[in-house]
Protein backbone atom coordinates (compact mmCIF):
# COMPACT_ATOMS: atom_id res chain seq x y z
CA MET A 1 4.06 15.25 -28.63
CA ALA A 2 3.54 18.96 -29.37
CA VAL A 3 6.13 20.71 -31.50
CA GLN A 4 7.90 23.83 -30.24
CA ARG A 5 5.74 26.37 -32.09
CA ASP A 6 2.62 24.86 -30.49
CA ARG A 7 3.76 25.68 -26.97
CA VAL A 8 2.48 28.75 -25.13
CA ARG A 9 3.71 30.20 -21.85
CA PHE A 10 1.62 32.20 -19.37
CA ASN A 11 2.66 34.17 -16.32
CA VAL A 12 -0.45 34.27 -14.13
CA GLY A 13 -0.02 36.30 -10.97
CA GLY A 14 3.69 35.53 -10.95
CA LYS A 15 3.40 31.77 -11.57
CA ILE A 16 4.54 30.25 -14.87
CA PHE A 17 2.29 27.86 -16.83
CA GLU A 18 3.10 26.12 -20.11
CA THR A 19 0.53 24.57 -22.37
CA THR A 20 -0.23 24.11 -26.06
CA LEU A 21 -2.36 25.82 -28.66
CA THR A 22 -4.23 22.54 -28.99
CA THR A 23 -5.26 22.69 -25.32
CA LEU A 24 -6.18 26.36 -25.54
CA ALA A 25 -8.36 25.64 -28.59
CA ASN A 26 -10.64 23.72 -26.24
CA ALA A 27 -11.50 27.04 -24.62
CA GLY A 28 -13.28 28.18 -27.79
CA ARG A 29 -13.03 31.34 -29.84
CA ASN A 30 -15.38 33.25 -27.52
CA SER A 31 -13.12 32.80 -24.51
CA LEU A 32 -10.36 35.17 -23.45
CA LEU A 33 -7.66 32.56 -24.03
CA GLY A 34 -9.02 31.77 -27.48
CA ALA A 35 -9.26 35.44 -28.40
CA MET A 36 -5.69 36.15 -27.31
CA LEU A 37 -4.35 33.69 -29.84
CA ASP A 38 -6.95 34.10 -32.59
CA GLU A 39 -5.48 35.23 -35.91
CA ASP A 40 -8.51 37.47 -36.48
CA TRP A 41 -7.20 39.73 -33.71
CA ASN A 42 -4.23 40.58 -35.96
CA LEU A 43 -1.65 39.76 -33.32
CA PRO A 44 1.94 39.99 -34.59
CA SER A 45 3.29 36.81 -36.12
CA ASP A 46 6.17 36.82 -33.67
CA ARG A 47 4.17 36.07 -30.54
CA PRO A 48 5.73 37.06 -27.22
CA ASP A 49 7.55 34.38 -25.30
CA GLU A 50 5.22 34.87 -22.37
CA TYR A 51 1.72 36.24 -21.79
CA PHE A 52 1.16 37.97 -18.46
CA ILE A 53 -2.29 37.79 -16.82
CA ASP A 54 -2.77 39.49 -13.46
CA ARG A 55 -5.20 36.96 -11.98
CA ASN A 56 -5.35 34.17 -9.40
CA PRO A 57 -2.79 31.47 -10.36
CA ALA A 58 -4.40 28.68 -8.29
CA CYS A 59 -7.71 29.06 -10.12
CA PHE A 60 -5.94 29.28 -13.48
CA SER A 61 -4.30 25.94 -12.72
CA VAL A 62 -7.71 24.31 -12.13
CA LEU A 63 -9.17 25.82 -15.30
CA LEU A 64 -6.17 24.83 -17.39
CA ASP A 65 -6.48 21.25 -16.14
CA LEU A 66 -10.17 21.39 -17.13
CA LEU A 67 -9.19 22.33 -20.68
CA ARG A 68 -6.65 19.51 -20.77
CA THR A 69 -8.78 16.69 -19.38
CA GLY A 70 -12.41 17.79 -19.50
CA GLU A 71 -12.65 17.10 -15.76
CA LEU A 72 -13.10 19.64 -12.96
CA HIS A 73 -11.17 19.01 -9.76
CA VAL A 74 -11.54 21.75 -7.15
CA PRO A 75 -9.02 21.63 -4.27
CA PRO A 76 -10.68 21.29 -0.85
CA LYS A 77 -9.56 24.71 0.40
CA MET A 78 -10.48 26.60 -2.78
CA SER A 79 -13.66 28.69 -2.78
CA GLU A 80 -15.94 27.57 -5.60
CA LYS A 81 -17.32 31.09 -5.93
CA LEU A 82 -13.77 32.37 -6.43
CA LEU A 83 -13.23 29.72 -9.10
CA TYR A 84 -16.50 30.67 -10.83
CA ARG A 85 -15.50 34.33 -10.79
CA GLU A 86 -12.20 33.49 -12.47
CA ALA A 87 -13.96 31.21 -14.95
CA SER A 88 -16.26 34.10 -15.82
CA PHE A 89 -13.23 36.33 -16.47
CA TYR A 90 -11.74 33.80 -18.89
CA GLY A 91 -15.08 33.04 -20.55
CA LEU A 92 -15.05 29.44 -19.34
CA LEU A 93 -18.25 29.28 -17.30
CA ASP A 94 -19.90 26.99 -19.84
CA HIS A 95 -16.97 24.59 -19.53
CA VAL A 96 -17.26 24.59 -15.74
CA ARG A 97 -21.02 24.00 -15.90
CA SER A 98 -20.59 21.10 -18.34
CA ALA A 99 -18.00 19.52 -16.06
CA LYS A 100 -20.10 19.97 -12.91
CA TRP A 101 -23.24 18.36 -14.28
CA GLY A 102 -24.30 16.46 -17.36
CA PRO A 103 -27.35 16.81 -19.63
CA PHE A 104 -30.61 16.93 -17.72
CA ASP A 105 -32.12 13.54 -16.85
CA GLY A 106 -34.89 13.31 -14.25
CA ASN A 107 -33.92 9.78 -13.26
CA ARG A 108 -30.31 10.75 -12.49
CA LEU A 109 -30.92 13.99 -10.60
CA ARG A 110 -29.10 14.51 -7.33
CA LEU A 111 -29.64 17.24 -4.76
CA SER A 112 -26.91 19.83 -5.17
CA SER A 113 -27.85 22.51 -2.63
CA SER A 114 -30.66 24.21 -0.74
CA VAL A 115 -31.04 27.97 -0.55
CA ALA A 116 -32.74 29.62 2.41
CA GLY A 117 -35.73 31.77 1.53
CA GLN A 118 -36.10 35.51 1.97
CA ALA A 119 -39.63 35.69 3.41
CA PRO A 120 -42.06 33.52 5.39
CA GLY A 121 -45.09 31.92 3.80
CA ASP A 122 -45.79 30.60 0.35
CA GLY A 123 -43.93 31.84 -2.69
CA THR A 124 -45.83 32.75 -5.81
CA ALA A 125 -43.53 31.04 -8.29
CA ILE A 126 -40.02 29.85 -9.03
CA ARG A 127 -38.65 30.04 -12.58
CA ALA A 128 -35.45 28.53 -13.94
CA GLY A 129 -33.23 30.71 -16.11
CA PRO A 130 -31.56 29.58 -19.32
CA ASP A 131 -28.07 29.78 -17.79
CA GLY A 132 -28.73 27.72 -14.67
CA GLY A 133 -29.92 30.54 -12.41
CA CYS A 134 -33.45 31.14 -11.15
CA CYS A 135 -35.81 33.71 -9.70
CA VAL A 136 -38.34 33.39 -6.88
CA ALA A 137 -41.47 35.55 -6.70
CA HIS A 138 -43.09 36.28 -3.36
CA GLY A 139 -45.71 38.96 -2.77
CA SER A 140 -44.37 42.10 -4.46
CA MET A 141 -40.76 40.89 -4.50
CA VAL A 142 -38.73 38.88 -7.00
CA HIS A 143 -35.41 37.46 -5.77
CA VAL A 144 -32.94 36.69 -8.58
CA TYR A 145 -30.07 34.21 -8.40
CA ASP A 146 -27.34 33.54 -10.96
CA TRP A 147 -26.12 30.04 -11.75
CA MET A 148 -23.66 30.25 -8.85
CA LEU A 149 -26.73 30.83 -6.63
CA GLU A 150 -25.49 34.27 -5.66
CA GLU A 151 -28.41 36.67 -5.21
CA HIS A 152 -28.58 39.80 -7.34
CA PRO A 153 -30.40 42.96 -6.17
CA PRO A 154 -34.06 41.95 -5.66
CA ILE A 155 -36.82 43.52 -7.73
CA ASN A 156 -39.42 45.34 -5.63
CA LEU A 157 -42.75 46.25 -7.27
CA ASP A 158 -43.82 48.50 -4.38
CA TYR A 159 -46.74 46.46 -3.08
CA GLN A 160 -47.97 45.27 -6.48
CA ARG A 161 -48.58 41.53 -6.17
CA VAL A 162 -46.51 39.48 -8.62
CA ASN A 163 -48.59 36.98 -10.62
CA ASP A 164 -45.97 35.40 -12.88
CA VAL A 165 -42.36 35.82 -13.94
CA GLY A 166 -40.22 34.50 -16.79
CA TYR A 167 -36.86 34.88 -18.49
CA ILE A 168 -36.41 36.53 -21.89
CA ASP A 169 -32.74 35.54 -21.66
CA SER A 170 -30.17 35.30 -18.90
CA GLU A 171 -30.01 39.11 -18.69
CA SER A 172 -33.71 40.05 -18.73
CA ILE A 173 -36.75 39.04 -16.66
CA VAL A 174 -40.40 39.78 -17.37
CA ILE A 175 -42.74 40.26 -14.40
CA SER A 176 -46.54 40.35 -14.55
CA ALA A 177 -48.38 42.00 -11.68
CA CYS A 178 -51.75 43.15 -10.41
CA GLU A 179 -53.06 46.62 -11.06
CA ARG A 180 -53.49 48.74 -7.95
CA LEU A 181 -56.93 50.28 -8.02
CA GLY A 182 -56.79 53.99 -8.70
CA ARG A 183 -53.02 54.04 -9.24
CA GLY A 184 -53.00 53.31 -12.98
CA ASP A 185 -50.01 50.99 -12.69
CA GLY A 186 -49.64 47.22 -12.83
CA GLY A 187 -49.34 45.18 -15.97
CA MET A 188 -45.92 43.93 -17.07
CA GLY A 189 -42.34 45.11 -17.22
CA ALA A 190 -38.94 43.83 -18.33
CA PHE A 191 -36.18 44.13 -15.75
CA SER A 192 -32.43 43.56 -15.70
CA SER A 193 -31.69 40.29 -13.91
CA ARG A 194 -28.38 41.71 -12.69
CA THR A 195 -29.40 45.14 -11.39
CA GLY A 196 -33.18 44.94 -11.07
CA ASP A 197 -33.57 48.11 -13.18
CA LEU A 198 -36.74 48.51 -15.25
CA ARG A 199 -35.95 48.30 -18.97
CA HIS A 200 -39.38 48.85 -20.48
CA LYS A 201 -43.09 48.37 -19.86
CA PHE A 202 -45.54 46.32 -21.91
CA GLN A 203 -48.51 48.55 -22.59
CA VAL A 204 -52.11 47.83 -23.57
CA SER A 205 -54.19 50.31 -25.57
CA HIS A 206 -57.90 50.34 -26.32
CA ASP A 207 -59.68 52.91 -28.46
CA ASN A 208 -56.29 54.59 -28.95
CA GLN A 209 -55.87 55.09 -25.20
CA LEU A 210 -53.36 53.45 -22.88
CA LYS A 211 -55.08 51.30 -20.30
CA SER A 212 -54.06 50.02 -16.89
CA TYR A 213 -54.46 46.26 -16.56
CA THR A 214 -53.58 43.22 -14.51
CA ALA A 215 -51.28 40.73 -16.21
CA GLY A 216 -51.37 37.06 -15.26
CA ALA A 217 -49.81 33.99 -16.83
CA LEU A 218 -46.86 34.44 -19.23
CA SER A 219 -45.46 32.46 -22.14
CA PHE A 220 -42.64 33.01 -24.64
CA SER A 221 -42.35 31.89 -28.26
CA THR A 222 -39.25 31.07 -30.29
CA ASP A 223 -39.83 34.09 -32.57
CA TYR A 224 -39.32 36.56 -29.70
CA ARG A 225 -42.96 37.16 -28.81
CA ILE A 226 -44.34 37.23 -25.31
CA PHE A 227 -47.94 36.34 -24.46
CA ALA A 228 -49.79 37.37 -21.32
CA SER A 229 -53.27 36.90 -19.92
CA CYS A 230 -54.68 40.41 -19.42
CA ARG A 231 -57.60 41.74 -17.43
CA GLY A 232 -58.54 45.41 -17.50
CA ARG A 233 -61.25 47.63 -16.08
CA SER A 234 -62.88 48.31 -19.44
CA ASN A 235 -63.31 45.55 -22.00
CA GLU A 236 -59.63 44.80 -22.67
CA TYR A 237 -59.86 41.16 -21.55
CA GLY A 238 -57.85 38.54 -23.41
CA ILE A 239 -54.33 37.62 -24.47
CA GLY A 240 -51.82 40.37 -25.23
CA VAL A 241 -48.85 39.86 -27.56
CA TRP A 242 -45.67 41.94 -27.51
CA ASP A 243 -42.18 41.97 -28.96
CA GLN A 244 -40.32 40.60 -25.95
CA MET A 245 -37.09 42.48 -26.70
CA ILE A 246 -38.43 46.05 -26.97
CA GLY A 247 -41.94 45.74 -25.52
CA LYS A 248 -43.76 46.86 -28.68
CA PRO A 249 -47.43 45.72 -28.77
CA LEU A 250 -48.03 43.30 -31.65
CA ASP A 251 -51.54 41.93 -31.16
CA PHE A 252 -54.40 41.45 -28.71
CA LEU A 253 -56.86 38.58 -28.85
CA TYR A 254 -60.06 39.65 -27.10
CA GLU A 255 -62.35 37.26 -25.31
CA SER A 256 -65.34 35.94 -27.21
CA PRO A 257 -68.45 34.47 -25.55
CA GLY A 258 -67.50 31.18 -23.95
CA TRP A 259 -63.77 31.91 -24.00
CA SER A 260 -61.83 32.41 -20.75
CA LEU A 261 -58.62 34.25 -21.55
CA GLY A 262 -58.20 37.22 -19.22
CA ASP A 263 -58.15 35.07 -16.10
CA ALA A 264 -55.98 32.27 -17.50
CA ASP A 265 -53.76 30.49 -14.97
CA LYS A 266 -51.32 29.02 -17.46
CA LEU A 267 -50.11 29.77 -20.98
CA GLN A 268 -47.82 27.54 -23.03
CA TRP A 269 -46.52 28.16 -26.54
CA LEU A 270 -46.54 25.05 -28.78
CA HIS A 271 -43.70 25.39 -31.27
CA GLY A 272 -44.79 22.63 -33.66
CA SER A 273 -48.34 23.86 -34.24
CA SER A 274 -47.66 27.58 -33.62
CA CYS A 275 -50.55 27.65 -31.16
CA LEU A 276 -50.94 28.90 -27.61
CA MET A 277 -52.39 26.69 -24.90
CA VAL A 278 -54.58 28.69 -22.52
CA ALA A 279 -55.72 27.02 -19.30
CA THR A 280 -58.12 28.41 -16.70
CA LEU A 281 -58.02 26.09 -13.73
CA PHE A 282 -59.49 25.35 -10.33
CA PRO A 283 -59.59 27.00 -7.77
CA ARG A 284 -59.63 30.30 -9.64
CA LYS A 285 -62.68 29.09 -11.54
CA ASP A 286 -65.20 26.43 -10.52
CA ASN A 287 -65.02 24.99 -14.02
CA CYS A 288 -61.78 24.28 -15.85
CA TYR A 289 -61.28 25.38 -19.43
CA ILE A 290 -58.34 24.53 -21.73
CA SER A 291 -58.00 25.71 -25.31
CA LEU A 292 -55.49 26.05 -28.16
CA LEU A 293 -55.46 29.42 -29.95
CA ASP A 294 -54.08 30.02 -33.43
CA PHE A 295 -53.00 33.65 -33.66
CA ARG A 296 -52.57 33.50 -37.43
CA ASP A 297 -56.32 33.71 -37.91
CA LYS A 298 -57.28 34.38 -34.27
CA SER A 299 -59.26 31.18 -33.95
CA MET A 300 -59.73 28.52 -31.33
CA VAL A 301 -58.61 25.25 -32.90
CA TRP A 302 -59.12 22.94 -29.90
CA SER A 303 -60.91 23.18 -26.58
CA TRP A 304 -61.94 21.13 -23.56
CA SER A 305 -63.97 21.95 -20.49
CA ASP A 306 -65.31 20.03 -17.51
CA ILE A 307 -68.55 22.04 -17.60
CA GLY A 308 -71.40 19.61 -17.17
CA ALA A 309 -69.12 16.78 -16.08
CA PRO A 310 -70.70 14.60 -13.38
CA ARG A 311 -69.42 15.35 -9.87
CA THR A 312 -68.96 12.71 -7.23
CA VAL A 313 -67.49 12.65 -3.77
CA ASP A 314 -64.16 11.90 -5.43
CA GLU A 315 -64.18 14.99 -7.67
CA LYS A 316 -61.45 15.27 -10.24
CA ARG A 317 -60.88 19.00 -10.54
CA VAL A 318 -58.01 19.95 -12.82
CA LEU A 319 -55.33 21.96 -11.01
CA ASP A 320 -52.58 22.14 -13.63
CA ALA A 321 -52.01 21.27 -17.28
CA ILE A 322 -49.04 20.76 -19.61
CA ALA A 323 -49.16 20.20 -23.38
CA MET A 324 -46.91 17.53 -24.89
CA GLU A 325 -46.92 17.97 -28.65
CA GLU A 326 -44.70 14.97 -29.35
CA ASN A 327 -47.38 12.75 -27.80
CA GLY A 328 -50.35 14.67 -29.17
CA SER A 329 -51.80 15.13 -25.71
CA ILE A 330 -52.32 17.46 -22.77
CA CYS A 331 -51.58 16.08 -19.31
CA VAL A 332 -53.63 17.34 -16.37
CA VAL A 333 -53.45 16.67 -12.64
CA ASN A 334 -56.18 16.81 -9.98
CA GLN A 335 -56.31 17.37 -6.23
CA HIS A 336 -55.69 13.66 -5.61
CA ASP A 337 -52.45 13.73 -7.64
CA ASP A 338 -54.06 11.61 -10.38
CA LEU A 339 -52.69 12.21 -13.86
CA GLY A 340 -55.13 12.58 -16.73
CA PHE A 341 -54.57 12.79 -20.48
CA LEU A 342 -56.51 14.67 -23.16
CA ASP A 343 -56.13 13.71 -26.83
CA LEU A 344 -55.36 16.76 -28.98
CA ARG A 345 -56.79 14.90 -31.98
CA SER A 346 -60.20 14.71 -30.30
CA ASN A 347 -61.77 18.11 -29.72
CA GLY A 348 -63.65 18.19 -26.42
CA GLY A 349 -62.98 14.54 -25.60
CA SER A 350 -62.98 13.06 -22.12
CA VAL A 351 -60.01 12.75 -19.77
CA ARG A 352 -58.28 9.40 -19.47
CA TRP A 353 -57.37 9.29 -15.78
CA SER A 354 -54.53 7.27 -14.27
CA SER A 355 -53.84 6.72 -10.56
CA ARG A 356 -50.24 5.57 -10.94
CA SER A 357 -49.06 8.80 -9.34
CA ARG A 358 -50.47 7.68 -5.99
CA LEU A 359 -48.01 4.80 -5.74
CA LEU A 360 -45.14 6.95 -4.58
CA LYS A 361 -46.84 9.85 -2.85
CA GLY A 362 -44.69 11.72 -0.38
CA ASN A 363 -45.46 12.49 3.21
CA MET A 364 -48.47 14.64 4.00
CA PRO A 365 -47.14 18.01 5.22
CA ASP A 366 -49.12 20.22 7.56
CA GLU A 367 -49.64 22.77 4.79
CA LEU A 368 -50.73 21.29 1.47
CA CYS A 369 -49.96 22.87 -1.90
CA TYR A 370 -51.59 22.23 -5.23
CA PRO A 371 -49.70 19.85 -7.54
CA LYS A 372 -47.76 21.21 -10.52
CA LEU A 373 -46.68 19.69 -13.84
CA ALA A 374 -43.70 20.07 -16.16
CA ALA A 375 -42.33 18.21 -19.17
CA HIS A 376 -38.73 18.11 -20.32
CA GLY A 377 -36.77 15.89 -22.69
CA GLY A 378 -39.52 13.32 -23.08
CA GLN A 379 -40.05 13.04 -19.32
CA LEU A 380 -43.06 14.13 -17.27
CA PHE A 381 -42.72 15.67 -13.79
CA SER A 382 -45.42 16.12 -11.16
CA SER A 383 -45.10 17.61 -7.68
CA MET A 384 -46.95 15.69 -5.00
CA ASN A 385 -47.03 17.15 -1.49
CA ASP A 386 -43.30 17.24 -0.58
CA SER A 387 -41.83 15.35 -3.56
CA VAL A 388 -41.50 15.44 -7.34
CA SER A 389 -42.24 12.27 -9.30
CA VAL A 390 -40.76 11.43 -12.70
CA PHE A 391 -42.70 9.54 -15.39
CA CYS A 392 -41.17 8.07 -18.55
CA GLY A 393 -42.07 6.01 -21.60
CA PRO A 394 -45.13 5.92 -23.83
CA ASP A 395 -47.31 4.78 -20.92
CA TRP A 396 -45.80 7.31 -18.49
CA VAL A 397 -44.49 4.77 -16.01
CA LEU A 398 -43.40 6.15 -12.65
CA THR A 399 -39.60 5.77 -12.57
CA SER A 400 -38.26 7.87 -9.70
CA ARG A 401 -39.11 10.31 -6.94
CA LEU A 402 -37.19 13.36 -5.71
CA ARG A 403 -37.73 14.33 -2.11
CA ARG A 404 -36.09 16.29 0.68
CA SER A 405 -36.47 15.48 4.37
CA TYR A 406 -37.47 19.04 5.27
CA GLY A 407 -38.84 22.19 3.65
CA GLY A 408 -42.52 21.36 3.73
CA SER A 409 -44.83 20.91 0.77
CA ILE A 410 -43.83 21.99 -2.74
CA CYS A 411 -45.63 25.09 -3.97
CA ASP A 412 -43.82 25.29 -7.36
CA PHE A 413 -40.94 23.84 -9.37
CA SER A 414 -39.22 24.69 -12.64
CA ILE A 415 -36.73 23.11 -15.08
CA GLY A 416 -34.13 25.06 -17.05
CA GLY A 417 -30.40 25.47 -17.57
CA ASP A 418 -30.03 21.70 -16.95
CA ARG A 419 -31.31 22.12 -13.39
CA LEU A 420 -34.50 21.41 -11.46
CA PHE A 421 -35.52 24.07 -8.93
CA VAL A 422 -38.04 23.10 -6.26
CA LEU A 423 -39.70 25.79 -4.10
CA HIS A 424 -41.04 24.73 -0.69
CA SER A 425 -43.75 26.39 1.33
CA GLU A 426 -41.70 26.89 4.48
CA GLU A 427 -39.98 30.29 4.26
CA ASN A 428 -39.46 29.93 0.50
CA VAL A 429 -36.60 27.45 0.81
CA PHE A 430 -35.73 26.11 -2.63
CA ASP A 431 -33.69 23.06 -3.62
CA VAL A 432 -31.42 22.70 -6.63
CA TRP A 433 -31.21 19.30 -8.35
CA GLU A 434 -28.53 18.50 -10.94
CA THR A 435 -27.59 15.54 -13.14
CA ARG A 436 -24.23 14.05 -12.35
CA PRO A 437 -21.83 14.03 -15.31
CA SER A 438 -21.29 10.76 -17.08
CA PRO A 439 -18.04 9.00 -16.14
CA ILE A 440 -15.20 9.57 -18.57
């Protein structure tokens, strides 16, 4: 039982609440409640008998119960968005998120909600944010959603086609776009995820002159660098490197004969080896090319290509690739949804194909989309027509499938903020999948 000096009284919107310092400590030092009672704030030793907070008392009751029990129980008539707004005021959003869903697990995902799209036709990409939000690129527009799935002001690039998009952090988004011939614009920019305002541009210079360029695939490293596939009108073809926080150019790796960098479809930073995977894939190129680049000495340390590979009626063209350092391999997928594996220890080796992915193929929608790959937490994910399949274990056994009954084929999906976002081809509808919290 708490002693008298441990008790704290709040008056929230005219309603009295009593709790303990022990309960409030669960809020953390970065929360409003923790800060109010933190000794570092030099509050007088004789604390007031009652703290007044002019906020919603019903929401405070739910949040206080969350601090007491670790469980979130929202009354049926309470607006969840109102509760999230109040949680944001108190600095308890992380607590609410942790109570709503547990750590990400592909085999325990459940559909949480579907969000109607903003435009007809295929979307370019969907990207998960680090805080549980996401952004959807379509044409020259990027629609941004926070973790409550409320849309922020969209980002309009004025008819510049968006090629890729990614999060620096929950507050900043990087967008790569096509150059408009004769306009001298295009390239990349960092934007506020909340307001859509441009923060800075990522510039490319050649022969001491600023150049217009088209930026393609993006990737981010743990040491705050951003990489982008760049294609210009002169000879500035290759991979650009910038400081992702201020946009300062750091390096540029130009194409050498036989390299395919400026038209890369996918970039992925490998933290363990400090290398960048660069993949140029079908249908952009007739031949697929995947390489690992070491920027410390600007060398290519591993490469694979299907140039010269025998073609049959059942062609196995690579449509996407994902590197998995912990397994020493790169997984690829073809137009038949077959998974293939390349050994990173064998430079230029052959693909070991597996057809297990066909066992649980979804329905065949009217409009087909190319399959996509992702890896997260030791699990492998592959989109197949209108579903996402999950593979686990050293042999990548198919363990589950995620599928909606409507929305059409899947044109992209992304994992982040302990959520899976799936973008469908019909009017850019996207689904949100979450892992249910473990029972207490």
